[in-house]
Each structure stands twice: as C-alpha cells, then as structure tokens.
C-alpha cells in the first residue's frame, strides 16, 4: 500500500511522517500498529528514509503489506511447530525421566516455546528495520527547510 504524507522529523536513517487517516484505509492498513494517531484524522508513523527527506517535505511512503503477512505466518507457524515438537519430545522422553508423561510433555512444550521465542526475537530484531518498516520511495515536493 502507498500513502502520501509530510515529514515532521528525522533521526539518522528514520523519519517521522504525518499521514492522513482515511477511515477505511486506516482500518485495513498493515502498519496500523506502528501509527501513533490510530483514531484521529492524522497519524504519525516512523519510516525508513533512504532518500534523506527533510522536515517539511511531502513524500510517498510504501507500506509492505505482503511482508507483514509473510512474517506473521512465519511467526505463528514457527511457534506452532515448536509447540508440537516440544510436546512430542517431552512425551518421548517421559520413560527416561522420573516424572509423569504429562509433566514431561509440559516441560517439553514450555522449553520449546522459550527456545523458539528467543530465536524468533533475534531474527525479527535483525529484520525489523531492514524489511518491516515502511519506506519513503519518493519525495513529491520539497519543503521550505532545504538549504
């Protein structure tokens, strides 16, 4: 999805962009969780700024809808597989441990979810800024703060 907005502030390689919130579009937007003004007529969203837009510039922002969907599937699919693997491994190891089958299955489930959570957390931190942030793709109109 593409949207137009006004750059309000910049920090390093990120920019804060004020976008118009159109009721239908905002409710369907995949970056709604990143937007500060969710229930207002305008919203502030942090975006990557590879074009070095300055405050006051009118810009076009691309929000990666398909990437959000793909990463959500990866996240929940990984947690589901880890849960099943942990339950299965706990159940298989129950004869070797002095605990009941249900206790070892629960321990396996919790252990697998913790391990998967740590790996997914590290993976998404590394990918977050590079691929999941919306990005400025065009400066439509330069603002008054250019020198």
Protein backbone atom coordinates (compact mmCIF):
# COMPACT_ATOMS: atom_id res chain seq x y z
CA UNK A 1 0.00 0.00 0.00
CA UNK A 2 1.23 3.50 -0.77
CA UNK A 3 0.34 6.66 1.06
CA UNK A 4 1.34 10.33 0.98
CA UNK A 5 2.49 12.28 3.98
CA UNK A 6 4.52 15.16 5.35
CA UNK A 7 7.89 14.62 7.03
CA UNK A 8 7.74 16.04 10.55
CA UNK A 9 11.09 14.96 11.99
CA UNK A 10 14.18 12.94 11.03
CA UNK A 11 16.56 10.87 13.14
CA UNK A 12 19.51 9.12 11.46
CA UNK A 13 18.00 6.90 8.75
CA UNK A 14 14.40 7.18 10.02
CA UNK A 15 11.76 9.86 9.53
CA UNK A 16 8.52 10.59 11.31
CA UNK A 17 5.82 11.15 8.71
CA UNK A 18 2.36 12.60 9.28
CA UNK A 19 -0.16 10.74 7.11
CA UNK A 20 -3.84 11.44 6.59
CA UNK A 21 -6.03 8.78 8.18
CA UNK A 22 -8.90 7.84 5.93
CA UNK A 23 -11.21 5.70 8.00
CA UNK A 24 -11.49 2.77 5.61
CA UNK A 25 -7.81 2.79 4.66
CA UNK A 26 -6.58 3.02 8.26
CA UNK A 27 -8.59 0.06 9.46
CA UNK A 28 -7.13 -2.10 6.67
CA UNK A 29 -3.55 -0.79 6.93
CA UNK A 30 -0.94 -3.36 7.95
CA UNK A 31 1.18 -0.68 9.66
CA UNK A 32 -1.66 0.42 11.94
CA UNK A 33 0.20 -0.89 15.00
CA UNK A 34 3.14 1.42 14.15
CA UNK A 35 0.94 4.50 13.74
CA UNK A 36 0.70 6.91 16.66
CA UNK A 37 -2.64 8.55 15.73
CA UNK A 38 -4.77 5.46 15.16
CA UNK A 39 -8.14 7.00 15.93
CA UNK A 40 -7.54 10.55 14.72
CA UNK A 41 -7.70 12.31 11.36
CA UNK A 42 -3.87 12.32 11.11
CA UNK A 43 -1.34 9.73 12.17
CA UNK A 44 2.40 9.78 12.80
CA UNK A 45 4.39 6.82 11.57
CA UNK A 46 8.12 6.05 11.67
CA UNK A 47 9.53 5.13 8.25
CA UNK A 48 12.92 4.37 6.74
CA UNK A 49 14.36 7.41 4.98
CA UNK A 50 16.79 6.26 2.25
CA UNK A 51 16.15 9.40 0.16
CA UNK A 52 17.14 11.68 3.05
CA UNK A 53 13.88 13.62 3.07
CA UNK A 54 13.88 16.65 5.36
CA UNK A 55 11.17 18.02 7.65
CA UNK A 56 8.55 19.79 5.54
CA UNK A 57 8.95 17.51 2.50
CA UNK A 58 5.85 15.89 1.06
CA UNK A 59 6.68 12.23 0.45
CA UNK A 60 5.22 8.99 -0.81
CA UNK A 61 5.51 6.10 1.62
CA UNK A 62 5.24 2.41 0.78
CA UNK A 63 3.91 0.10 3.48
CA UNK A 64 4.98 -3.52 2.90
CA UNK A 65 1.63 -5.34 3.28
CA UNK A 66 2.80 -8.66 1.84
CA UNK A 67 5.93 -8.72 4.02
CA UNK A 68 3.84 -8.22 7.16
CA UNK A 69 1.61 -11.14 6.19
CA UNK A 70 4.58 -13.35 5.35
CA UNK A 71 6.32 -12.62 8.65
CA UNK A 72 3.13 -13.19 10.67
CA UNK A 73 2.76 -16.61 9.05
CA UNK A 74 6.41 -17.34 9.82
CA UNK A 75 6.00 -16.25 13.44
CA UNK A 76 2.85 -18.21 14.25
CA UNK A 77 3.85 -21.21 12.13
CA UNK A 78 7.19 -21.45 13.94
CA UNK A 79 5.51 -21.26 17.33
CA UNK A 80 3.02 -23.96 16.33
CA UNK A 81 5.78 -26.29 15.07
CA UNK A 82 7.85 -25.64 18.21
CA UNK A 83 4.84 -26.41 20.42
CA UNK A 84 4.14 -29.70 18.70
CA UNK A 85 7.82 -30.68 18.65
CA UNK A 86 8.20 -29.84 22.35
CA UNK A 87 5.12 -31.86 23.30
CA UNK A 88 6.30 -34.80 21.20
CA UNK A 89 9.86 -34.70 22.54
CA UNK A 90 8.61 -34.44 26.13
CA UNK A 91 6.32 -37.39 25.60
CA UNK A 92 9.13 -39.47 24.03
CA UNK A 93 11.50 -38.69 26.91
CA UNK A 94 8.94 -39.45 29.64
CA UNK A 95 10.10 -43.10 30.14
CA UNK A 96 13.66 -41.86 30.76
CA UNK A 97 12.69 -39.29 33.40
CA UNK A 98 11.18 -39.88 36.84
CA UNK A 99 8.20 -37.66 36.00
CA UNK A 100 4.76 -38.38 34.61
CA UNK A 101 4.17 -38.29 30.86
CA UNK A 102 2.03 -35.16 31.11
CA UNK A 103 4.66 -33.34 33.21
CA UNK A 104 7.47 -34.10 30.74
CA UNK A 105 5.24 -33.08 27.83
CA UNK A 106 4.50 -29.77 29.56
CA UNK A 107 8.20 -29.21 30.27
CA UNK A 108 9.00 -30.00 26.62
CA UNK A 109 6.29 -27.60 25.42
CA UNK A 110 7.47 -24.74 27.62
CA UNK A 111 11.15 -25.34 26.76
CA UNK A 112 10.44 -25.43 23.02
CA UNK A 113 8.38 -22.24 23.17
CA UNK A 114 11.11 -20.42 25.10
CA UNK A 115 13.81 -21.54 22.66
CA UNK A 116 11.65 -20.64 19.64
CA UNK A 117 10.80 -17.28 21.22
CA UNK A 118 14.47 -16.42 21.71
CA UNK A 119 15.36 -17.34 18.11
CA UNK A 120 12.36 -15.52 16.65
CA UNK A 121 13.05 -12.44 18.77
CA UNK A 122 16.62 -12.22 17.50
CA UNK A 123 15.53 -12.88 13.91
CA UNK A 124 12.84 -10.19 13.92
CA UNK A 125 15.10 -7.62 15.60
CA UNK A 126 17.62 -8.08 12.80
CA UNK A 127 14.94 -7.95 10.07
CA UNK A 128 12.72 -5.28 11.63
CA UNK A 129 14.40 -2.14 10.42
CA UNK A 130 15.62 -3.57 7.14
CA UNK A 131 12.39 -5.03 5.81
CA UNK A 132 9.38 -4.42 8.02
CA UNK A 133 9.45 -0.63 8.37
CA UNK A 134 7.52 1.42 5.82
CA UNK A 135 9.89 3.27 3.48
CA UNK A 136 9.92 6.63 1.71
CA UNK A 137 10.02 5.86 -2.02
CA UNK A 138 9.65 9.35 -3.47
CA UNK A 139 9.93 12.99 -2.44
CA UNK A 140 6.92 14.60 -4.11
CA UNK A 141 7.55 18.19 -3.08
CA UNK A 142 10.49 19.72 -1.25
CA UNK A 143 9.62 21.65 1.89
CA UNK A 144 10.94 25.05 2.95
CA UNK A 145 13.76 23.71 5.16
CA UNK A 146 16.19 22.75 2.38
CA UNK A 147 19.36 24.74 2.12
